[in-house]
Amino acid sequence: ALAVLIGSLSPSFATETAFPFGTALVLDAAPLPGTKRLPTIEIEENGEASFYLWCASARGSANVGQDTISLKPTTALPSQCTPDQISRDADLLTQLSQMTGWHRDGDEVDLTGTATLRFRLMTN
């Protein structure tokens, strides 16, 4: 019985440290005043990536290795954003494009590069 229990726990442990392809990752930050929106990224196994920023959205690509990551936002989708929101979105896209590594611990995914950005898996 113990062997069955241990065997049944191993796959769930592996999924808690694997990259969460196809899952929304929400930036671990407070919303900006006057909004509830938080930046979110979604990366598919085929490398397609969607970036939902403070105001605008962008598409791009991602290359995810065992502990490495390369994000390339390429297309900004038009939106009605203030100059301050555009600046924040541009800063976030710059940070994301400088990410070189990732680490997952349960529902938290840290992207690392010139800075570290913590994301949480959207679980609802």
PDB file of N, CA and C in Angstrom:
ATOM      1  N   ALA A   1       0.824  -1.191   0.000  1.00  0.00           N
ATOM      2  CA  ALA A   1       0.000   0.000   0.000  1.00  0.00           C
ATOM      3  C   ALA A   1       0.872   1.259   0.000  1.00  0.00           C
ATOM      4  N   LEU A   2       1.976   1.220   0.722  1.00  0.00           N
ATOM      5  CA  LEU A   2       2.869   2.372   0.777  1.00  0.00           C
ATOM      6  C   LEU A   2       3.466   2.658  -0.604  1.00  0.00           C
ATOM      7  N   ALA A   3       3.823   1.619  -1.337  1.00  0.00           N
ATOM      8  CA  ALA A   3       4.384   1.802  -2.678  1.00  0.00           C
ATOM      9  C   ALA A   3       3.363   2.449  -3.607  1.00  0.00           C
ATOM     10  N   VAL A   4       2.106   2.064  -3.487  1.00  0.00           N
ATOM     11  CA  VAL A   4       1.057   2.652  -4.314  1.00  0.00           C
ATOM     12  C   VAL A   4       0.883   4.127  -3.958  1.00  0.00           C
ATOM     13  N   LEU A   5       0.892   4.446  -2.658  1.00  0.00           N
ATOM     14  CA  LEU A   5       0.753   5.831  -2.214  1.00  0.00           C
ATOM     15  C   LEU A   5       1.905   6.685  -2.729  1.00  0.00           C
ATOM     16  N   ILE A   6       3.125   6.203  -2.607  1.00  0.00           N
ATOM     17  CA  ILE A   6       4.289   6.948  -3.079  1.00  0.00           C
ATOM     18  C   ILE A   6       4.237   7.110  -4.590  1.00  0.00           C
ATOM     19  N   GLY A   7       3.870   6.077  -5.294  1.00  0.00           N
ATOM     20  CA  GLY A   7       3.749   6.147  -6.747  1.00  0.00           C
ATOM     21  C   GLY A   7       2.691   7.128  -7.192  1.00  0.00           C
ATOM     22  N   SER A   8       1.606   7.237  -6.444  1.00  0.00           N
ATOM     23  CA  SER A   8       0.542   8.161  -6.832  1.00  0.00           C
ATOM     24  C   SER A   8       0.919   9.608  -6.519  1.00  0.00           C
ATOM     25  N   LEU A   9       1.843   9.829  -5.581  1.00  0.00           N
ATOM     26  CA  LEU A   9       2.268  11.184  -5.258  1.00  0.00           C
ATOM     27  C   LEU A   9       3.315  11.705  -6.238  1.00  0.00           C
ATOM     28  N   SER A  10       4.123  10.838  -6.802  1.00  0.00           N
ATOM     29  CA  SER A  10       5.210  11.261  -7.684  1.00  0.00           C
ATOM     30  C   SER A  10       4.739  12.062  -8.892  1.00  0.00           C
ATOM     31  N   PRO A  11       3.716  11.637  -9.638  1.00  0.00           N
ATOM     32  CA  PRO A  11       3.292  12.442 -10.785  1.00  0.00           C
ATOM     33  C   PRO A  11       2.796  13.830 -10.386  1.00  0.00           C
ATOM     34  N   SER A  12       2.104  13.960  -9.262  1.00  0.00           N
ATOM     35  CA  SER A  12       1.611  15.277  -8.866  1.00  0.00           C
ATOM     36  C   SER A  12       2.768  16.182  -8.457  1.00  0.00           C
ATOM     37  N   PHE A  13       3.799  15.621  -7.840  1.00  0.00           N
ATOM     38  CA  PHE A  13       4.963  16.425  -7.484  1.00  0.00           C
ATOM     39  C   PHE A  13       5.652  16.934  -8.748  1.00  0.00           C
ATOM     40  N   ALA A  14       5.763  16.058  -9.753  1.00  0.00           N
ATOM     41  CA  ALA A  14       6.418  16.457 -10.999  1.00  0.00           C
ATOM     42  C   ALA A  14       5.669  17.594 -11.672  1.00  0.00           C
ATOM     43  N   THR A  15       4.352  17.580 -11.635  1.00  0.00           N
ATOM     44  CA  THR A  15       3.594  18.634 -12.292  1.00  0.00           C
ATOM     45  C   THR A  15       3.708  19.948 -11.531  1.00  0.00           C
ATOM     46  N   GLU A  16       4.045  19.930 -10.268  1.00  0.00           N
ATOM     47  CA  GLU A  16       4.184  21.163  -9.494  1.00  0.00           C
ATOM     48  C   GLU A  16       5.491  21.884  -9.791  1.00  0.00           C
ATOM     49  N   THR A  17       6.438  21.218 -10.444  1.00  0.00           N
ATOM     50  CA  THR A  17       7.690  21.874 -10.784  1.00  0.00           C
ATOM     51  C   THR A  17       7.864  22.021 -12.296  1.00  0.00           C
ATOM     52  N   ALA A  18       6.989  21.420 -13.087  1.00  0.00           N
ATOM     53  CA  ALA A  18       7.056  21.543 -14.544  1.00  0.00           C
ATOM     54  C   ALA A  18       6.509  22.901 -14.972  1.00  0.00           C
ATOM     55  N   PHE A  19       6.964  23.380 -16.120  1.00  0.00           N
ATOM     56  CA  PHE A  19       6.449  24.658 -16.599  1.00  0.00           C
ATOM     57  C   PHE A  19       4.963  24.501 -16.928  1.00  0.00           C
ATOM     58  N   PRO A  20       4.135  25.459 -16.497  1.00  0.00           N
ATOM     59  CA  PRO A  20       2.680  25.334 -16.672  1.00  0.00           C
ATOM     60  C   PRO A  20       2.187  25.850 -18.038  1.00  0.00           C
ATOM     61  N   PHE A  21       2.531  25.142 -19.097  1.00  0.00           N
ATOM     62  CA  PHE A  21       2.081  25.542 -20.423  1.00  0.00           C
ATOM     63  C   PHE A  21       0.560  25.613 -20.466  1.00  0.00           C
ATOM     64  N   GLY A  22       0.035  26.602 -21.197  1.00  0.00           N
ATOM     65  CA  GLY A  22      -1.399  26.726 -21.397  1.00  0.00           C
ATOM     66  C   GLY A  22      -2.164  27.248 -20.199  1.00  0.00           C
ATOM     67  N   THR A  23      -1.452  27.701 -19.188  1.00  0.00           N
ATOM     68  CA  THR A  23      -2.079  28.225 -17.971  1.00  0.00           C
ATOM     69  C   THR A  23      -1.782  29.715 -17.853  1.00  0.00           C
ATOM     70  N   ALA A  24      -2.768  30.483 -17.430  1.00  0.00           N
ATOM     71  CA  ALA A  24      -2.557  31.912 -17.218  1.00  0.00           C
ATOM     72  C   ALA A  24      -1.671  32.123 -15.996  1.00  0.00           C
ATOM     73  N   LEU A  25      -0.629  32.927 -16.169  1.00  0.00           N
ATOM     74  CA  LEU A  25       0.271  33.300 -15.083  1.00  0.00           C
ATOM     75  C   LEU A  25       0.055  34.772 -14.793  1.00  0.00           C
ATOM     76  N   VAL A  26      -0.349  35.079 -13.573  1.00  0.00           N
ATOM     77  CA  VAL A  26      -0.705  36.443 -13.173  1.00  0.00           C
ATOM     78  C   VAL A  26       0.446  37.044 -12.367  1.00  0.00           C
ATOM     79  N   LEU A  27       0.870  38.241 -12.755  1.00  0.00           N
ATOM     80  CA  LEU A  27       1.948  38.922 -12.044  1.00  0.00           C
ATOM     81  C   LEU A  27       1.557  39.125 -10.588  1.00  0.00           C
ATOM     82  N   ASP A  28       2.468  38.778  -9.688  1.00  0.00           N
ATOM     83  CA  ASP A  28       2.236  38.932  -8.253  1.00  0.00           C
ATOM     84  C   ASP A  28       2.519  40.390  -7.888  1.00  0.00           C
ATOM     85  N   ALA A  29       1.506  41.223  -8.077  1.00  0.00           N
ATOM     86  CA  ALA A  29       1.629  42.661  -7.817  1.00  0.00           C
ATOM     87  C   ALA A  29       0.261  43.206  -7.445  1.00  0.00           C
ATOM     88  N   ALA A  30       0.263  44.380  -6.886  1.00  0.00           N
ATOM     89  CA  ALA A  30      -1.007  45.051  -6.582  1.00  0.00           C
ATOM     90  C   ALA A  30      -1.527  45.711  -7.852  1.00  0.00           C
ATOM     91  N   PRO A  31      -2.836  45.732  -8.045  1.00  0.00           N
ATOM     92  CA  PRO A  31      -3.378  46.441  -9.209  1.00  0.00           C
ATOM     93  C   PRO A  31      -3.074  47.933  -9.125  1.00  0.00           C
ATOM     94  N   LEU A  32      -3.039  48.567 -10.265  1.00  0.00           N
ATOM     95  CA  LEU A  32      -2.833  50.015 -10.286  1.00  0.00           C
ATOM     96  C   LEU A  32      -4.090  50.709  -9.775  1.00  0.00           C
ATOM     97  N   PRO A  33      -3.963  51.889  -9.218  1.00  0.00           N
ATOM     98  CA  PRO A  33      -5.147  52.611  -8.729  1.00  0.00           C
ATOM     99  C   PRO A  33      -6.197  52.768  -9.839  1.00  0.00           C
ATOM    100  N   GLY A  34      -7.430  52.511  -9.492  1.00  0.00           N
ATOM    101  CA  GLY A  34      -8.531  52.671 -10.426  1.00  0.00           C
ATOM    102  C   GLY A  34      -8.800  51.479 -11.324  1.00  0.00           C
ATOM    103  N   THR A  35      -8.079  50.374 -11.126  1.00  0.00           N
ATOM    104  CA  THR A  35      -8.283  49.189 -11.958  1.00  0.00           C
ATOM    105  C   THR A  35      -8.061  47.928 -11.137  1.00  0.00           C
ATOM    106  N   LYS A  36      -8.609  46.837 -11.592  1.00  0.00           N
ATOM    107  CA  LYS A  36      -8.379  45.542 -10.955  1.00  0.00           C
ATOM    108  C   LYS A  36      -7.489  44.657 -11.818  1.00  0.00           C
ATOM    109  N   ARG A  37      -7.128  45.153 -13.001  1.00  0.00           N
ATOM    110  CA  ARG A  37      -6.366  44.363 -13.961  1.00  0.00           C
ATOM    111  C   ARG A  37      -4.932  44.154 -13.489  1.00  0.00           C
ATOM    112  N   LEU A  38      -4.457  42.924 -13.667  1.00  0.00           N
ATOM    113  CA  LEU A  38      -3.061  42.587 -13.404  1.00  0.00           C
ATOM    114  C   LEU A  38      -2.464  41.964 -14.659  1.00  0.00           C
ATOM    115  N   PRO A  39      -1.205  42.245 -14.948  1.00  0.00           N
ATOM    116  CA  PRO A  39      -0.574  41.623 -16.115  1.00  0.00           C
ATOM    117  C   PRO A  39      -0.594  40.101 -16.013  1.00  0.00           C
ATOM    118  N   THR A  40      -0.858  39.479 -17.156  1.00  0.00           N
ATOM    119  CA  THR A  40      -0.961  38.026 -17.248  1.00  0.00           C
ATOM    120  C   THR A  40      -0.239  37.570 -18.503  1.00  0.00           C
ATOM    121  N   ILE A  41       0.454  36.432 -18.407  1.00  0.00           N
ATOM    122  CA  ILE A  41       1.047  35.842 -19.603  1.00  0.00           C
ATOM    123  C   ILE A  41       0.558  34.414 -19.737  1.00  0.00           C
ATOM    124  N   GLU A  42       0.461  33.969 -20.972  1.00  0.00           N
ATOM    125  CA  GLU A  42       0.103  32.581 -21.276  1.00  0.00           C
ATOM    126  C   GLU A  42       1.069  32.088 -22.334  1.00  0.00           C
ATOM    127  N   ILE A  43       1.680  30.948 -22.059  1.00  0.00           N
ATOM    128  CA  ILE A  43       2.650  30.361 -22.982  1.00  0.00           C
ATOM    129  C   ILE A  43       2.169  28.956 -23.340  1.00  0.00           C
ATOM    130  N   GLU A  44       2.043  28.702 -24.618  1.00  0.00           N
ATOM    131  CA  GLU A  44       1.610  27.390 -25.107  1.00  0.00           C
ATOM    132  C   GLU A  44       2.836  26.520 -25.386  1.00  0.00           C
ATOM    133  N   GLU A  45       2.626  25.209 -25.418  1.00  0.00           N
ATOM    134  CA  GLU A  45       3.737  24.284 -25.671  1.00  0.00           C
ATOM    135  C   GLU A  45       4.388  24.509 -27.025  1.00  0.00           C
ATOM    136  N   ASN A  46       3.635  25.031 -27.995  1.00  0.00           N
ATOM    137  CA  ASN A  46       4.193  25.279 -29.327  1.00  0.00           C
ATOM    138  C   ASN A  46       4.992  26.580 -29.393  1.00  0.00           C
ATOM    139  N   GLY A  47       5.119  27.305 -28.287  1.00  0.00           N
ATOM    140  CA  GLY A  47       5.913  28.522 -28.232  1.00  0.00           C
ATOM    141  C   GLY A  47       5.134  29.808 -28.428  1.00  0.00           C
ATOM    142  N   GLU A  48       3.844  29.704 -28.740  1.00  0.00           N
ATOM    143  CA  GLU A  48       3.044  30.924 -28.863  1.00  0.00           C
ATOM    144  C   GLU A  48       2.845  31.524 -27.476  1.00  0.00           C
ATOM    145  N   ALA A  49       2.934  32.853 -27.410  1.00  0.00           N
ATOM    146  CA  ALA A  49       2.790  33.537 -26.122  1.00  0.00           C
ATOM    147  C   ALA A  49       1.849  34.726 -26.262  1.00  0.00           C
ATOM    148  N   SER A  50       1.053  34.939 -25.223  1.00  0.00           N
ATOM    149  CA  SER A  50       0.162  36.092 -25.136  1.00  0.00           C
ATOM    150  C   SER A  50       0.533  36.862 -23.885  1.00  0.00           C
ATOM    151  N   PHE A  51       0.604  38.172 -24.020  1.00  0.00           N
ATOM    152  CA  PHE A  51       0.976  39.052 -22.918  1.00  0.00           C
ATOM    153  C   PHE A  51      -0.156  40.051 -22.712  1.00  0.00           C
ATOM    154  N   TYR A  52      -0.817  39.972 -21.583  1.00  0.00           N
ATOM    155  CA  TYR A  52      -1.891  40.907 -21.233  1.00  0.00           C
ATOM    156  C   TYR A  52      -1.300  41.840 -20.185  1.00  0.00           C
ATOM    157  N   LEU A  53      -0.997  43.046 -20.595  1.00  0.00           N
ATOM    158  CA  LEU A  53      -0.220  43.975 -19.787  1.00  0.00           C
ATOM    159  C   LEU A  53      -1.117  44.805 -18.882  1.00  0.00           C
ATOM    160  N   TRP A  54      -0.602  45.900 -18.343  1.00  0.00           N
ATOM    161  CA  TRP A  54      -1.403  46.761 -17.468  1.00  0.00           C
ATOM    162  C   TRP A  54      -2.589  47.342 -18.222  1.00  0.00           C
ATOM    163  N   CYS A  55      -2.411  47.591 -19.522  1.00  0.00           N
ATOM    164  CA  CYS A  55      -3.503  48.161 -20.318  1.00  0.00           C
ATOM    165  C   CYS A  55      -3.627  47.457 -21.665  1.00  0.00           C
ATOM    166  N   ALA A  56      -2.540  47.370 -22.397  1.00  0.00           N
ATOM    167  CA  ALA A  56      -2.546  46.798 -23.740  1.00  0.00           C
ATOM    168  C   ALA A  56      -2.297  45.290 -23.689  1.00  0.00           C
ATOM    169  N   SER A  57      -2.309  44.680 -24.845  1.00  0.00           N
ATOM    170  CA  SER A  57      -1.993  43.263 -24.995  1.00  0.00           C
ATOM    171  C   SER A  57      -0.995  43.107 -26.124  1.00  0.00           C
ATOM    172  N   ALA A  58      -0.243  42.022 -26.082  1.00  0.00           N
ATOM    173  CA  ALA A  58       0.737  41.753 -27.133  1.00  0.00           C
ATOM    174  C   ALA A  58       0.805  40.249 -27.366  1.00  0.00           C
ATOM    175  N   ARG A  59       1.276  39.887 -28.522  1.00  0.00           N
ATOM    176  CA  ARG A  59       1.527  38.488 -28.853  1.00  0.00           C
ATOM    177  C   ARG A  59       3.025  38.344 -29.059  1.00  0.00           C
ATOM    178  N   GLY A  60       3.480  37.116 -29.086  1.00  0.00           N
ATOM    179  CA  GLY A  60       4.886  36.882 -29.323  1.00  0.00           C
ATOM    180  C   GLY A  60       5.198  35.412 -29.247  1.00  0.00           C
ATOM    181  N   SER A  61       6.441  35.123 -28.913  1.00  0.00           N
ATOM    182  CA  SER A  61       6.874  33.738 -28.819  1.00  0.00           C
ATOM    183  C   SER A  61       7.680  33.527 -27.547  1.00  0.00           C
ATOM    184  N   ALA A  62       7.800  32.264 -27.198  1.00  0.00           N
ATOM    185  CA  ALA A  62       8.564  31.884 -26.011  1.00  0.00           C
ATOM    186  C   ALA A  62       9.313  30.592 -26.313  1.00  0.00           C
ATOM    187  N   ASN A  63      10.494  30.496 -25.765  1.00  0.00           N
ATOM    188  CA  ASN A  63      11.274  29.278 -25.850  1.00  0.00           C
ATOM    189  C   ASN A  63      11.569  28.882 -24.408  1.00  0.00           C
ATOM    190  N   VAL A  64      10.975  27.774 -23.970  1.00  0.00           N
ATOM    191  CA  VAL A  64      11.106  27.338 -22.581  1.00  0.00           C
ATOM    192  C   VAL A  64      11.912  26.050 -22.536  1.00  0.00           C
ATOM    193  N   GLY A  65      13.015  26.085 -21.778  1.00  0.00           N
ATOM    194  CA  GLY A  65      13.828  24.899 -21.554  1.00  0.00           C
ATOM    195  C   GLY A  65      13.596  24.392 -20.137  1.00  0.00           C
ATOM    196  N   GLN A  66      14.448  23.486 -19.702  1.00  0.00           N
ATOM    197  CA  GLN A  66      14.298  22.890 -18.372  1.00  0.00           C
ATOM    198  C   GLN A  66      14.304  23.940 -17.273  1.00  0.00           C
ATOM    199  N   ASP A  67      15.171  24.943 -17.376  1.00  0.00           N
ATOM    200  CA  ASP A  67      15.191  26.033 -16.403  1.00  0.00           C
ATOM    201  C   ASP A  67      15.514  27.362 -17.071  1.00  0.00           C
ATOM    202  N   THR A  68      15.418  27.400 -18.389  1.00  0.00           N
ATOM    203  CA  THR A  68      15.687  28.614 -19.151  1.00  0.00           C
ATOM    204  C   THR A  68      14.422  29.080 -19.858  1.00  0.00           C
ATOM    205  N   ILE A  69      14.383  30.370 -20.155  1.00  0.00           N
ATOM    206  CA  ILE A  69      13.245  30.919 -20.884  1.00  0.00           C
ATOM    207  C   ILE A  69      13.715  32.114 -21.703  1.00  0.00           C
ATOM    208  N   SER A  70      13.118  32.267 -22.854  1.00  0.00           N
ATOM    209  CA  SER A  70      13.356  33.413 -23.712  1.00  0.00           C
ATOM    210  C   SER A  70      12.001  33.875 -24.214  1.00  0.00           C
ATOM    211  N   LEU A  71      11.649  35.121 -23.912  1.00  0.00           N
ATOM    212  CA  LEU A  71      10.359  35.679 -24.324  1.00  0.00           C
ATOM    213  C   LEU A  71      10.599  36.758 -25.366  1.00  0.00           C
ATOM    214  N   LYS A  72       9.808  36.705 -26.428  1.00  0.00           N
ATOM    215  CA  LYS A  72       9.933  37.683 -27.502  1.00  0.00           C
ATOM    216  C   LYS A  72       8.560  38.252 -27.847  1.00  0.00           C
ATOM    217  N   PRO A  73       8.130  39.284 -27.121  1.00  0.00           N
ATOM    218  CA  PRO A  73       6.883  39.944 -27.508  1.00  0.00           C
ATOM    219  C   PRO A  73       7.103  40.639 -28.852  1.00  0.00           C
ATOM    220  N   THR A  74       6.193  40.404 -29.811  1.00  0.00           N
ATOM    221  CA  THR A  74       6.417  40.953 -31.140  1.00  0.00           C
ATOM    222  C   THR A  74       5.308  41.877 -31.622  1.00  0.00           C
ATOM    223  N   THR A  75       4.096  41.635 -31.238  1.00  0.00           N
ATOM    224  CA  THR A  75       2.983  42.416 -31.774  1.00  0.00           C
ATOM    225  C   THR A  75       2.182  43.021 -30.641  1.00  0.00           C
ATOM    226  N   ALA A  76       2.155  44.341 -30.575  1.00  0.00           N
ATOM    227  CA  ALA A  76       1.303  45.018 -29.595  1.00  0.00           C
ATOM    228  C   ALA A  76      -0.072  45.211 -30.224  1.00  0.00           C
ATOM    229  N   LEU A  77      -1.098  44.850 -29.501  1.00  0.00           N
ATOM    230  CA  LEU A  77      -2.458  45.036 -29.993  1.00  0.00           C
ATOM    231  C   LEU A  77      -2.946  46.412 -29.577  1.00  0.00           C
ATOM    232  N   PRO A  78      -3.607  47.143 -30.454  1.00  0.00           N
ATOM    233  CA  PRO A  78      -4.036  48.501 -30.118  1.00  0.00           C
ATOM    234  C   PRO A  78      -5.039  48.522 -28.965  1.00  0.00           C
ATOM    235  N   SER A  79      -4.959  49.557 -28.190  1.00  0.00           N
ATOM    236  CA  SER A  79      -5.913  49.745 -27.098  1.00  0.00           C
ATOM    237  C   SER A  79      -5.961  51.229 -26.750  1.00  0.00           C
ATOM    238  N   GLN A  80      -6.891  51.577 -25.924  1.00  0.00           N
ATOM    239  CA  GLN A  80      -7.035  52.966 -25.465  1.00  0.00           C
ATOM    240  C   GLN A  80      -6.315  53.096 -24.125  1.00  0.00           C
ATOM    241  N   CYS A  81      -5.046  53.441 -24.171  1.00  0.00           N
ATOM    242  CA  CYS A  81      -4.237  53.534 -22.959  1.00  0.00           C
ATOM    243  C   CYS A  81      -3.743  54.964 -22.765  1.00  0.00           C
ATOM    244  N   THR A  82      -3.579  55.338 -21.495  1.00  0.00           N
ATOM    245  CA  THR A  82      -3.012  56.646 -21.172  1.00  0.00           C
ATOM    246  C   THR A  82      -1.493  56.593 -21.383  1.00  0.00           C
ATOM    247  N   PRO A  83      -0.839  57.728 -21.489  1.00  0.00           N
ATOM    248  CA  PRO A  83       0.626  57.729 -21.617  1.00  0.00           C
ATOM    249  C   PRO A  83       1.317  56.995 -20.460  1.00  0.00           C
ATOM    250  N   ASP A  84       0.799  57.134 -19.237  1.00  0.00           N
ATOM    251  CA  ASP A  84       1.377  56.436 -18.092  1.00  0.00           C
ATOM    252  C   ASP A  84       1.234  54.917 -18.254  1.00  0.00           C
ATOM    253  N   GLN A  85       0.073  54.466 -18.705  1.00  0.00           N
ATOM    254  CA  GLN A  85      -0.140  53.034 -18.923  1.00  0.00           C
ATOM    255  C   GLN A  85       0.757  52.507 -20.036  1.00  0.00           C
ATOM    256  N   ILE A  86       0.910  53.284 -21.099  1.00  0.00           N
ATOM    257  CA  ILE A  86       1.788  52.883 -22.205  1.00  0.00           C
ATOM    258  C   ILE A  86       3.218  52.743 -21.704  1.00  0.00           C
ATOM    259  N   SER A  87       3.656  53.659 -20.857  1.00  0.00           N
ATOM    260  CA  SER A  87       5.003  53.601 -20.295  1.00  0.00           C
ATOM    261  C   SER A  87       5.186  52.361 -19.421  1.00  0.00           C
ATOM    262  N   ARG A  88       4.204  52.079 -18.574  1.00  0.00           N
ATOM    263  CA  ARG A  88       4.285  50.886 -17.716  1.00  0.00           C
ATOM    264  C   ARG A  88       4.301  49.611 -18.551  1.00  0.00           C
ATOM    265  N   ASP A  89       3.461  49.564 -19.599  1.00  0.00           N
ATOM    266  CA  ASP A  89       3.431  48.395 -20.477  1.00  0.00           C
ATOM    267  C   ASP A  89       4.770  48.203 -21.185  1.00  0.00           C
ATOM    268  N   ALA A  90       5.350  49.303 -21.674  1.00  0.00           N
ATOM    269  CA  ALA A  90       6.649  49.226 -22.353  1.00  0.00           C
ATOM    270  C   ALA A  90       7.734  48.737 -21.402  1.00  0.00           C
ATOM    271  N   ASP A  91       7.724  49.238 -20.169  1.00  0.00           N
ATOM    272  CA  ASP A  91       8.707  48.786 -19.170  1.00  0.00           C
ATOM    273  C   ASP A  91       8.558  47.294 -18.889  1.00  0.00           C
ATOM    274  N   LEU A  92       7.313  46.832 -18.746  1.00  0.00           N
ATOM    275  CA  LEU A  92       7.073  45.412 -18.464  1.00  0.00           C
ATOM    276  C   LEU A  92       7.508  44.553 -19.648  1.00  0.00           C
ATOM    277  N   LEU A  93       7.204  44.975 -20.872  1.00  0.00           N
ATOM    278  CA  LEU A  93       7.638  44.211 -22.047  1.00  0.00           C
ATOM    279  C   LEU A  93       9.158  44.138 -22.116  1.00  0.00           C
ATOM    280  N   THR A  94       9.831  45.230 -21.765  1.00  0.00           N
ATOM    281  CA  THR A  94      11.298  45.226 -21.745  1.00  0.00           C
ATOM    282  C   THR A  94      11.802  44.218 -20.719  1.00  0.00           C
ATOM    283  N   GLN A  95      11.228  44.235 -19.523  1.00  0.00           N
ATOM    284  CA  GLN A  95      11.641  43.276 -18.488  1.00  0.00           C
ATOM    285  C   GLN A  95      11.401  41.850 -18.951  1.00  0.00           C
ATOM    286  N   LEU A  96      10.231  41.585 -19.531  1.00  0.00           N
ATOM    287  CA  LEU A  96       9.915  40.226 -19.981  1.00  0.00           C
ATOM    288  C   LEU A  96      10.884  39.761 -21.067  1.00  0.00           C
ATOM    289  N   SER A  97      11.271  40.657 -21.961  1.00  0.00           N
ATOM    290  CA  SER A  97      12.176  40.274 -23.042  1.00  0.00           C
ATOM    291  C   SER A  97      13.597  40.008 -22.532  1.00  0.00           C
ATOM    292  N   GLN A  98      13.901  40.391 -21.290  1.00  0.00           N
ATOM    293  CA  GLN A  98      15.221  40.169 -20.707  1.00  0.00           C
ATOM    294  C   GLN A  98      15.260  38.952 -19.775  1.00  0.00           C
ATOM    295  N   MET A  99      14.178  38.195 -19.716  1.00  0.00           N
ATOM    296  CA  MET A  99      14.146  37.014 -18.865  1.00  0.00           C
ATOM    297  C   MET A  99      14.996  35.901 -19.487  1.00  0.00           C
ATOM    298  N   THR A 100      15.736  35.194 -18.633  1.00  0.00           N
ATOM    299  CA  THR A 100      16.595  34.118 -19.111  1.00  0.00           C
ATOM    300  C   THR A 100      16.360  32.804 -18.379  1.00  0.00           C
ATOM    301  N   GLY A 101      15.671  32.849 -17.243  1.00  0.00           N
ATOM    302  CA  GLY A 101      15.460  31.630 -16.469  1.00  0.00           C
ATOM    303  C   GLY A 101      14.101  31.612 -15.822  1.00  0.00           C
ATOM    304  N   TRP A 102      13.705  30.431 -15.360  1.00  0.00           N
ATOM    305  CA  TRP A 102      12.446  30.292 -14.644  1.00  0.00           C
ATOM    306  C   TRP A 102      12.587  29.194 -13.593  1.00  0.00           C
ATOM    307  N   HIS A 103      11.739  29.304 -12.577  1.00  0.00           N
ATOM    308  CA  HIS A 103      11.673  28.292 -11.518  1.00  0.00           C
ATOM    309  C   HIS A 103      10.247  28.245 -11.020  1.00  0.00           C
ATOM    310  N   ARG A 104       9.728  27.046 -10.864  1.00  0.00           N
ATOM    311  CA  ARG A 104       8.366  26.885 -10.361  1.00  0.00           C
ATOM    312  C   ARG A 104       8.394  26.179  -9.019  1.00  0.00           C
ATOM    313  N   ASP A 105       7.600  26.710  -8.110  1.00  0.00           N
ATOM    314  CA  ASP A 105       7.387  26.077  -6.812  1.00  0.00           C
ATOM    315  C   ASP A 105       5.892  26.094  -6.557  1.00  0.00           C
ATOM    316  N   GLY A 106       5.217  24.997  -6.860  1.00  0.00           N
ATOM    317  CA  GLY A 106       3.768  24.928  -6.688  1.00  0.00           C
ATOM    318  C   GLY A 106       3.061  25.870  -7.635  1.00  0.00           C
ATOM    319  N   ASP A 107       2.311  26.817  -7.084  1.00  0.00           N
ATOM    320  CA  ASP A 107       1.547  27.774  -7.884  1.00  0.00           C
ATOM    321  C   ASP A 107       2.321  29.054  -8.177  1.00  0.00           C
ATOM    322  N   GLU A 108       3.596  29.112  -7.813  1.00  0.00           N
ATOM    323  CA  GLU A 108       4.417  30.298  -8.069  1.00  0.00           C
ATOM    324  C   GLU A 108       5.446  29.985  -9.148  1.00  0.00           C
ATOM    325  N   VAL A 109       5.575  30.913 -10.091  1.00  0.00           N
ATOM    326  CA  VAL A 109       6.586  30.791 -11.143  1.00  0.00           C
ATOM    327  C   VAL A 109       7.389  32.081 -11.134  1.00  0.00           C
ATOM    328  N   ASP A 110       8.684  31.961 -10.868  1.00  0.00           N
ATOM    329  CA  ASP A 110       9.584  33.113 -10.909  1.00  0.00           C
ATOM    330  C   ASP A 110      10.283  33.135 -12.251  1.00  0.00           C
ATOM    331  N   LEU A 111      10.223  34.268 -12.932  1.00  0.00           N
ATOM    332  CA  LEU A 111      10.999  34.499 -14.140  1.00  0.00           C
ATOM    333  C   LEU A 111      12.179  35.371 -13.747  1.00  0.00           C
ATOM    334  N   THR A 112      13.368  34.964 -14.162  1.00  0.00           N
ATOM    335  CA  THR A 112      14.570  35.675 -13.745  1.00  0.00           C
ATOM    336  C   THR A 112      15.349  36.176 -14.955  1.00  0.00           C
ATOM    337  N   GLY A 113      16.024  37.263 -14.755  1.00  0.00           N
ATOM    338  CA  GLY A 113      16.864  37.885 -15.778  1.00  0.00           C
ATOM    339  C   GLY A 113      17.539  39.064 -15.129  1.00  0.00           C
ATOM    340  N   THR A 114      17.392  40.250 -15.709  1.00  0.00           N
ATOM    341  CA  THR A 114      17.952  41.447 -15.086  1.00  0.00           C
ATOM    342  C   THR A 114      17.179  41.800 -13.822  1.00  0.00           C
ATOM    343  N   ALA A 115      15.970  41.264 -13.702  1.00  0.00           N
ATOM    344  CA  ALA A 115      15.132  41.402 -12.502  1.00  0.00           C
ATOM    345  C   ALA A 115      14.413  40.072 -12.326  1.00  0.00           C
ATOM    346  N   THR A 116      13.726  39.920 -11.228  1.00  0.00           N
ATOM    347  CA  THR A 116      12.909  38.737 -11.004  1.00  0.00           C
ATOM    348  C   THR A 116      11.451  39.159 -10.934  1.00  0.00           C
ATOM    349  N   LEU A 117      10.628  38.486 -11.708  1.00  0.00           N
ATOM    350  CA  LEU A 117       9.190  38.729 -11.671  1.00  0.00           C
ATOM    351  C   LEU A 117       8.510  37.453 -11.199  1.00  0.00           C
ATOM    352  N   ARG A 118       7.690  37.579 -10.181  1.00  0.00           N
ATOM    353  CA  ARG A 118       6.959  36.430  -9.661  1.00  0.00           C
ATOM    354  C   ARG A 118       5.548  36.429 -10.239  1.00  0.00           C
ATOM    355  N   PHE A 119       5.147  35.276 -10.743  1.00  0.00           N
ATOM    356  CA  PHE A 119       3.803  35.069 -11.261  1.00  0.00           C
ATOM    357  C   PHE A 119       3.138  33.962 -10.463  1.00  0.00           C
ATOM    358  N   ARG A 120       1.836  33.990 -10.412  1.00  0.00           N
ATOM    359  CA  ARG A 120       1.053  32.938  -9.760  1.00  0.00           C
ATOM    360  C   ARG A 120       0.131  32.321 -10.798  1.00  0.00           C
ATOM    361  N   LEU A 121      -0.038  31.011 -10.709  1.00  0.00           N
ATOM    362  CA  LEU A 121      -0.958  30.332 -11.609  1.00  0.00           C
ATOM    363  C   LEU A 121      -2.373  30.760 -11.294  1.00  0.00           C
ATOM    364  N   MET A 122      -3.137  31.100 -12.328  1.00  0.00           N
ATOM    365  CA  MET A 122      -4.546  31.422 -12.132  1.00  0.00           C
ATOM    366  C   MET A 122      -5.257  30.097 -11.915  1.00  0.00           C
ATOM    367  N   THR A 123      -5.807  29.914 -10.740  1.00  0.00           N
ATOM    368  CA  THR A 123      -6.380  28.619 -10.397  1.00  0.00           C
ATOM    369  C   THR A 123      -7.899  28.607 -10.364  1.00  0.00           C
ATOM    370  N   ASN A 124      -8.551  29.718 -10.659  1.00  0.00           N
ATOM    371  CA  ASN A 124     -10.018  29.698 -10.623  1.00  0.00           C
ATOM    372  C   ASN A 124     -10.612  29.593 -11.992  1.00  0.00           C
TER     373      ASN A 124
END
